[in-house]
Amino acid sequence: MRRITTKTHSKNDPTFNQDLLRINDLHDKLIESCEKEFFHRGAGSPRYHGDCTMRQSSHLSSLPRKEVFRGIFRIVNRTLLRLDDVEVQRSGSTILGPLSWEVTDGQRWVVLGANGAGKTTLLQLLAAQIHPSRGVVEILGERMGATDVFELRPRIGFSSSAMIDQLPADEKVIDIVLTAAYGFAGRWLESYDLWDESRAKALLTIFGVRELGDRSFGTLSEGEKKRVQISRSLMADPELLLLDEPAAGLDLGGREDILTRISQYTREENAPATIIVTHHLEEIPTGTTHILMLKAGKIAFSGEIAEVLTAESLSQVFGIHVELQIQNGRYFATTNL
């Protein structure tokens, strides 16, 4: 983590420069407490917080009613994503849309749908990996087509199985995570400070793979690679976290463990807004607040999960009669075919 600079902030706020100086003055005071917290929290603990996040530090209690969060100012409940009449077309066919959708800060969404419903295409759009064929996409206040995506992407944490092959197999696990601070896939000549190294180790600890830090990435199991990739996606302390089927392909124990860790992490007050894509109800983590259900590239249902996720909506989206069971905040489906 580095000192805040004016490059990433609006200068329209008359108190901004004064607050900026005060925050940077606190930077060194927070390092010692952060270092202790990074290295002494248990493997199952949620992400680091307290004095390690400036937002919660008592030293900042006199600042204006804005939250200092991940090195930037943000307004509570701001709109993080806005899609307006968006379509994605390939070879003359529309594979996604038209759809309109909004996500605000603090929400935890799941995107659910059958294979081919457009879930992965939507996630690629939200990760600024592709552009829409028509319509307006705004991500973190930036309009696609009118912003530099290479500056936008580091503000988005994105984990997908399709990206695992892009990571060097011979790289150390700790460096796979650490290099995300610069947006690199492998370590070269760049340098890292104590904040970076502490954060990388803390994230590996949170997702249960810290002991693998000196292993080569290519020697890990699929489940271990997923945990490392999620840790990597959070290294730059993103404002938005996108996870594409994080529990897919895992055995029962591995699935439950990673879902528990994701749930613990995303429930933290400082956690970014999250969007998780899946087509299995049992892979929805506890604490999920909203659901978007896709069918044939269009929105079938959208809203608060407690209201939208029903046996009727599932039956319509998947095209079969579904019975829904809810146990301790988890969802399960059965059918009589």
Protein backbone atom coordinates (compact mmCIF):
# COMPACT_ATOMS: atom_id res chain seq x y z
CA MET A 1 0.00 0.00 0.00
CA ARG A 2 1.41 3.37 -0.94
CA ARG A 3 0.85 6.98 -0.01
CA ILE A 4 -2.21 8.58 -1.54
CA THR A 5 -1.58 10.94 -4.43
CA THR A 6 -3.79 13.48 -6.12
CA LYS A 7 -3.65 11.60 -9.40
CA THR A 8 -6.61 9.35 -8.59
CA HIS A 9 -8.80 11.89 -6.84
CA SER A 10 -11.19 14.64 -7.71
CA LYS A 11 -9.82 18.08 -6.88
CA ASN A 12 -13.24 19.72 -6.77
CA ASP A 13 -13.55 19.21 -3.02
CA PRO A 14 -12.07 22.32 -1.33
CA THR A 15 -11.04 20.24 1.68
CA PHE A 16 -9.36 17.57 -0.40
CA ASN A 17 -5.76 18.79 -0.33
CA GLN A 18 -5.86 19.45 3.41
CA ASP A 19 -7.32 16.02 4.10
CA LEU A 20 -4.79 14.41 1.78
CA LEU A 21 -1.88 15.87 3.71
CA ARG A 22 -3.38 14.74 7.00
CA ILE A 23 -3.94 11.19 5.74
CA ASN A 24 -0.42 10.87 4.38
CA ASP A 25 0.92 12.19 7.68
CA LEU A 26 -0.79 9.22 9.35
CA HIS A 27 0.68 6.73 6.87
CA ASP A 28 3.80 5.93 8.87
CA LYS A 29 1.88 5.85 12.16
CA LEU A 30 -0.33 3.05 10.85
CA ILE A 31 2.42 0.82 9.44
CA GLU A 32 3.49 -0.69 12.75
CA SER A 33 -0.04 -1.61 13.88
CA CYS A 34 -0.85 -2.98 10.41
CA GLU A 35 2.25 -5.13 10.34
CA LYS A 36 1.33 -6.69 13.69
CA GLU A 37 -2.23 -7.34 12.57
CA PHE A 38 -1.22 -8.79 9.19
CA PHE A 39 1.03 -11.42 10.73
CA HIS A 40 -0.93 -12.38 13.82
CA ARG A 41 -4.49 -12.93 12.58
CA GLY A 42 -5.56 -16.57 12.28
CA ALA A 43 -5.94 -18.44 9.01
CA GLY A 44 -9.72 -18.39 9.24
CA SER A 45 -10.02 -14.76 10.19
CA PRO A 46 -11.68 -12.17 7.95
CA ARG A 47 -9.60 -9.61 6.09
CA TYR A 48 -7.44 -7.26 8.11
CA HIS A 49 -9.21 -4.25 9.53
CA GLY A 50 -9.11 -1.93 12.55
CA ASP A 51 -6.12 0.41 12.49
CA CYS A 52 -4.93 -1.21 9.26
CA THR A 53 -7.72 0.41 7.28
CA MET A 54 -7.62 4.16 7.47
CA ARG A 55 -11.39 4.22 7.25
CA GLN A 56 -11.72 2.72 10.75
CA SER A 57 -8.77 4.46 12.37
CA SER A 58 -9.71 6.70 15.27
CA HIS A 59 -7.11 9.16 14.00
CA LEU A 60 -9.44 10.01 11.10
CA SER A 61 -12.54 10.68 13.18
CA SER A 62 -12.32 14.42 12.54
CA LEU A 63 -12.33 14.13 8.75
CA PRO A 64 -15.44 15.17 6.73
CA ARG A 65 -18.26 12.67 6.19
CA LYS A 66 -16.48 10.76 3.49
CA GLU A 67 -14.84 7.41 3.98
CA VAL A 68 -11.17 6.90 3.33
CA PHE A 69 -11.15 3.49 1.71
CA ARG A 70 -8.49 1.67 -0.34
CA GLY A 71 -6.59 4.86 -0.91
CA ILE A 72 -9.50 6.79 -2.43
CA PHE A 73 -12.45 8.85 -1.28
CA ARG A 74 -15.84 7.29 -1.88
CA ILE A 75 -19.43 8.23 -1.17
CA VAL A 76 -21.46 5.65 0.75
CA ASN A 77 -24.04 3.82 -1.38
CA ARG A 78 -22.68 5.22 -4.62
CA THR A 79 -23.49 3.44 -7.88
CA LEU A 80 -20.57 1.19 -8.80
CA LEU A 81 -22.02 -0.32 -11.98
CA ARG A 82 -24.64 0.95 -14.36
CA LEU A 83 -25.74 -0.82 -17.52
CA ASP A 84 -28.26 0.95 -19.71
CA ASP A 85 -29.83 -0.99 -22.61
CA VAL A 86 -26.61 -2.94 -23.14
CA GLU A 87 -26.07 -5.61 -25.78
CA VAL A 88 -23.11 -7.78 -26.72
CA GLN A 89 -23.16 -9.21 -30.24
CA ARG A 90 -20.96 -11.84 -31.88
CA SER A 91 -21.13 -12.90 -35.55
CA GLY A 92 -24.33 -10.93 -36.02
CA SER A 93 -26.11 -12.59 -33.08
CA THR A 94 -26.93 -11.02 -29.73
CA ILE A 95 -25.45 -13.18 -26.97
CA LEU A 96 -26.23 -10.78 -24.12
CA GLY A 97 -28.98 -8.23 -23.67
CA PRO A 98 -30.58 -5.95 -24.07
CA LEU A 99 -30.33 -5.43 -20.31
CA SER A 100 -30.21 -2.60 -17.78
CA TRP A 101 -28.82 -3.09 -14.27
CA GLU A 102 -27.28 -1.21 -11.35
CA VAL A 103 -25.04 -2.26 -8.48
CA THR A 104 -24.37 0.00 -5.50
CA ASP A 105 -21.58 -0.07 -2.94
CA GLY A 106 -21.98 -2.63 -0.18
CA GLN A 107 -24.14 -5.04 -2.17
CA ARG A 108 -23.18 -8.69 -2.62
CA TRP A 109 -24.66 -10.09 -5.82
CA VAL A 110 -24.82 -13.55 -7.33
CA VAL A 111 -25.49 -14.04 -11.05
CA LEU A 112 -27.34 -17.27 -11.68
CA GLY A 113 -28.36 -18.97 -14.90
CA ALA A 114 -28.04 -22.09 -17.01
CA ASN A 115 -25.05 -22.79 -19.24
CA GLY A 116 -25.04 -20.37 -22.16
CA ALA A 117 -27.22 -17.80 -20.39
CA GLY A 118 -24.56 -15.08 -20.79
CA LYS A 119 -23.09 -15.08 -17.27
CA THR A 120 -19.42 -15.17 -18.24
CA THR A 121 -19.94 -12.61 -21.01
CA LEU A 122 -21.56 -10.28 -18.48
CA LEU A 123 -18.65 -10.73 -16.08
CA GLN A 124 -16.13 -9.96 -18.84
CA LEU A 125 -18.09 -6.79 -19.57
CA LEU A 126 -18.06 -5.76 -15.91
CA ALA A 127 -14.33 -6.47 -15.68
CA ALA A 128 -13.68 -4.08 -18.59
CA GLN A 129 -12.31 -7.00 -20.60
CA ILE A 130 -14.73 -6.45 -23.49
CA HIS A 131 -16.83 -3.54 -24.77
CA PRO A 132 -20.58 -3.57 -25.38
CA SER A 133 -21.88 -3.64 -28.94
CA ARG A 134 -24.46 -1.04 -27.95
CA GLY A 135 -25.72 0.71 -24.84
CA VAL A 136 -23.95 2.42 -21.95
CA VAL A 137 -21.70 0.71 -19.42
CA GLU A 138 -20.38 2.72 -16.46
CA ILE A 139 -17.92 1.04 -14.12
CA LEU A 140 -16.79 2.84 -10.96
CA GLY A 141 -17.91 6.13 -12.43
CA GLU A 142 -16.06 5.59 -15.72
CA ARG A 143 -17.90 5.15 -19.01
CA MET A 144 -16.65 2.36 -21.24
CA GLY A 145 -15.42 3.77 -24.52
CA ALA A 146 -14.54 7.10 -22.91
CA THR A 147 -11.94 5.96 -20.38
CA ASP A 148 -8.57 4.19 -20.33
CA VAL A 149 -9.40 0.58 -19.42
CA PHE A 150 -5.79 -0.01 -18.36
CA GLU A 151 -6.30 2.51 -15.56
CA LEU A 152 -9.76 1.15 -14.73
CA ARG A 153 -8.93 -2.55 -14.53
CA PRO A 154 -6.65 -2.34 -11.45
CA ARG A 155 -9.66 -1.02 -9.51
CA ILE A 156 -11.52 -4.27 -10.25
CA GLY A 157 -10.63 -7.62 -8.71
CA PHE A 158 -11.36 -10.37 -11.24
CA SER A 159 -10.91 -14.12 -10.72
CA SER A 160 -11.81 -16.65 -13.40
CA SER A 161 -10.69 -20.17 -14.22
CA ALA A 162 -10.00 -18.99 -17.75
CA MET A 163 -7.29 -16.67 -16.39
CA ILE A 164 -5.35 -19.37 -14.53
CA ASP A 165 -3.48 -20.45 -17.68
CA GLN A 166 -2.24 -16.87 -18.07
CA LEU A 167 -0.26 -17.11 -14.83
CA PRO A 168 3.31 -18.50 -15.10
CA ALA A 169 3.51 -22.05 -13.75
CA ASP A 170 7.08 -21.63 -12.49
CA GLU A 171 6.35 -18.47 -10.47
CA LYS A 172 6.30 -18.67 -6.68
CA VAL A 173 2.82 -18.47 -5.17
CA ILE A 174 3.72 -15.44 -3.07
CA ASP A 175 4.92 -13.64 -6.21
CA ILE A 176 1.75 -14.57 -8.12
CA VAL A 177 -0.15 -12.55 -5.52
CA LEU A 178 2.45 -9.84 -4.95
CA THR A 179 2.86 -8.87 -8.61
CA ALA A 180 -0.84 -7.97 -8.84
CA ALA A 181 0.11 -4.76 -7.02
CA TYR A 182 1.65 -3.63 -10.31
CA GLY A 183 -0.75 -5.53 -12.56
CA PHE A 184 1.99 -7.95 -13.66
CA ALA A 185 1.68 -11.73 -14.05
CA GLY A 186 5.29 -12.45 -13.04
CA ARG A 187 8.04 -10.86 -11.00
CA TRP A 188 10.71 -8.89 -12.84
CA LEU A 189 12.68 -5.85 -11.67
CA GLU A 190 9.97 -4.05 -9.73
CA SER A 191 10.35 -3.50 -5.98
CA TYR A 192 7.82 -4.03 -3.18
CA ASP A 193 7.58 -2.46 0.24
CA LEU A 194 6.59 -3.90 3.59
CA TRP A 195 2.92 -3.06 3.03
CA ASP A 196 2.84 -5.06 -0.21
CA GLU A 197 4.56 -8.11 1.24
CA SER A 198 2.43 -8.05 4.38
CA ARG A 199 -0.79 -7.75 2.39
CA ALA A 200 0.13 -10.62 0.06
CA LYS A 201 0.85 -12.91 3.02
CA ALA A 202 -2.31 -11.78 4.80
CA LEU A 203 -4.48 -12.60 1.77
CA LEU A 204 -2.91 -16.03 1.37
CA THR A 205 -3.62 -16.59 5.06
CA ILE A 206 -7.24 -15.50 4.74
CA PHE A 207 -7.83 -18.02 1.94
CA GLY A 208 -5.93 -20.82 3.64
CA VAL A 209 -2.86 -21.17 1.42
CA ARG A 210 -0.15 -19.18 3.17
CA GLU A 211 1.95 -22.30 3.72
CA LEU A 212 2.14 -22.67 -0.09
CA GLY A 213 3.86 -19.31 -0.56
CA ASP A 214 7.21 -20.77 -1.67
CA ARG A 215 5.71 -23.42 -3.95
CA SER A 216 5.61 -23.04 -7.73
CA PHE A 217 2.13 -22.10 -8.93
CA GLY A 218 2.06 -24.94 -11.46
CA THR A 219 2.45 -27.59 -8.74
CA LEU A 220 -0.80 -26.64 -6.99
CA SER A 221 -4.13 -28.44 -7.21
CA GLU A 222 -7.05 -26.76 -8.94
CA GLY A 223 -8.58 -25.81 -5.62
CA GLU A 224 -5.33 -24.31 -4.38
CA LYS A 225 -4.93 -22.35 -7.60
CA LYS A 226 -8.42 -20.88 -7.16
CA ARG A 227 -7.55 -19.70 -3.65
CA VAL A 228 -4.31 -18.13 -4.85
CA GLN A 229 -6.08 -16.44 -7.75
CA ILE A 230 -8.73 -14.96 -5.45
CA SER A 231 -5.93 -13.67 -3.20
CA ARG A 232 -4.27 -12.15 -6.26
CA SER A 233 -7.52 -10.48 -7.33
CA LEU A 234 -7.64 -8.67 -3.98
CA MET A 235 -4.01 -7.60 -3.85
CA ALA A 236 -4.63 -4.14 -5.31
CA ASP A 237 -7.46 -3.60 -2.77
CA PRO A 238 -10.16 -3.27 -5.47
CA GLU A 239 -13.41 -1.38 -5.19
CA LEU A 240 -15.27 -4.20 -6.96
CA LEU A 241 -14.67 -7.96 -6.77
CA LEU A 242 -15.82 -10.31 -9.56
CA LEU A 243 -15.61 -14.08 -9.04
CA ASP A 244 -16.44 -16.48 -11.86
CA GLU A 245 -17.54 -19.81 -10.36
CA PRO A 246 -15.00 -19.78 -7.51
CA ALA A 247 -16.15 -23.17 -6.16
CA ALA A 248 -16.51 -24.99 -9.50
CA GLY A 249 -14.70 -28.32 -9.71
CA LEU A 250 -13.95 -28.55 -5.98
CA ASP A 251 -14.82 -31.51 -3.79
CA LEU A 252 -17.37 -31.06 -1.00
CA GLY A 253 -14.84 -30.11 1.65
CA GLY A 254 -12.99 -27.71 -0.63
CA ARG A 255 -16.23 -26.09 -1.78
CA GLU A 256 -17.52 -25.51 1.74
CA ASP A 257 -14.19 -24.16 2.95
CA ILE A 258 -13.73 -21.63 0.15
CA LEU A 259 -17.37 -20.48 0.35
CA THR A 260 -16.97 -19.96 4.10
CA ARG A 261 -13.83 -17.90 3.57
CA ILE A 262 -15.45 -15.83 0.83
CA SER A 263 -18.49 -15.27 3.02
CA GLN A 264 -16.37 -14.18 5.99
CA TYR A 265 -14.36 -11.83 3.81
CA THR A 266 -17.29 -10.20 2.05
CA ARG A 267 -19.17 -9.61 5.29
CA GLU A 268 -16.41 -7.34 6.55
CA GLU A 269 -17.37 -3.66 6.59
CA ASN A 270 -14.39 -2.77 4.42
CA ALA A 271 -14.94 -5.49 1.82
CA PRO A 272 -15.60 -4.43 -1.77
CA ALA A 273 -18.94 -4.99 -3.46
CA THR A 274 -18.94 -8.49 -4.90
CA ILE A 275 -20.50 -10.24 -7.88
CA ILE A 276 -20.23 -14.01 -8.01
CA VAL A 277 -21.25 -16.03 -11.08
CA THR A 278 -22.50 -19.58 -10.69
CA HIS A 279 -25.11 -22.02 -11.99
CA HIS A 280 -25.31 -24.02 -8.75
CA LEU A 281 -27.45 -22.82 -5.86
CA GLU A 282 -25.26 -24.55 -3.29
CA GLU A 283 -22.35 -22.34 -4.40
CA ILE A 284 -24.08 -19.14 -3.26
CA PRO A 285 -22.22 -17.91 -0.14
CA THR A 286 -24.09 -16.87 2.97
CA GLY A 287 -24.50 -13.13 3.24
CA THR A 288 -25.42 -12.67 -0.42
CA THR A 289 -27.84 -9.74 -0.62
CA HIS A 290 -29.01 -9.67 -4.26
CA ILE A 291 -29.44 -11.99 -7.22
CA LEU A 292 -29.53 -11.49 -10.98
CA MET A 293 -31.05 -14.40 -12.88
CA LEU A 294 -30.26 -14.66 -16.59
CA LYS A 295 -32.06 -16.63 -19.26
CA ALA A 296 -31.00 -16.63 -22.92
CA GLY A 297 -28.86 -13.53 -22.39
CA LYS A 298 -31.60 -11.44 -20.81
CA ILE A 299 -32.55 -10.60 -17.25
CA ALA A 300 -35.32 -12.89 -16.05
CA PHE A 301 -35.36 -11.73 -12.43
CA SER A 302 -33.35 -9.24 -10.39
CA GLY A 303 -33.48 -7.88 -6.86
CA GLU A 304 -33.01 -8.82 -3.22
CA ILE A 305 -32.29 -12.52 -2.97
CA ALA A 306 -34.85 -13.12 -0.22
CA GLU A 307 -37.60 -11.87 -2.52
CA VAL A 308 -36.43 -12.98 -5.95
CA LEU A 309 -34.99 -16.45 -5.42
CA THR A 310 -38.03 -18.73 -5.31
CA ALA A 311 -39.00 -22.14 -6.64
CA GLU A 312 -41.09 -20.41 -9.29
CA SER A 313 -38.28 -18.16 -10.54
CA LEU A 314 -35.83 -21.08 -10.61
CA SER A 315 -38.30 -23.23 -12.53
CA GLN A 316 -38.75 -20.51 -15.12
CA VAL A 317 -35.03 -19.81 -15.54
CA PHE A 318 -33.92 -23.46 -15.78
CA GLY A 319 -36.99 -24.74 -17.62
CA ILE A 320 -37.78 -27.55 -15.19
CA HIS A 321 -39.86 -27.90 -12.03
CA VAL A 322 -37.61 -26.99 -9.09
CA GLU A 323 -38.16 -27.24 -5.36
CA LEU A 324 -36.15 -24.78 -3.26
CA GLN A 325 -34.76 -25.45 0.19
CA ILE A 326 -33.16 -22.81 2.43
CA GLN A 327 -31.03 -23.82 5.40
CA ASN A 328 -28.96 -21.43 7.52
CA GLY A 329 -28.69 -18.88 4.74
CA ARG A 330 -27.72 -21.47 2.11
CA TYR A 331 -29.82 -22.50 -0.88
CA PHE A 332 -30.42 -25.96 -2.33
CA ALA A 333 -32.55 -27.19 -5.24
CA THR A 334 -34.17 -30.51 -6.02
CA THR A 335 -36.37 -31.60 -8.89
CA ASN A 336 -38.70 -34.43 -9.75
CA LEU A 337 -38.02 -35.36 -13.38
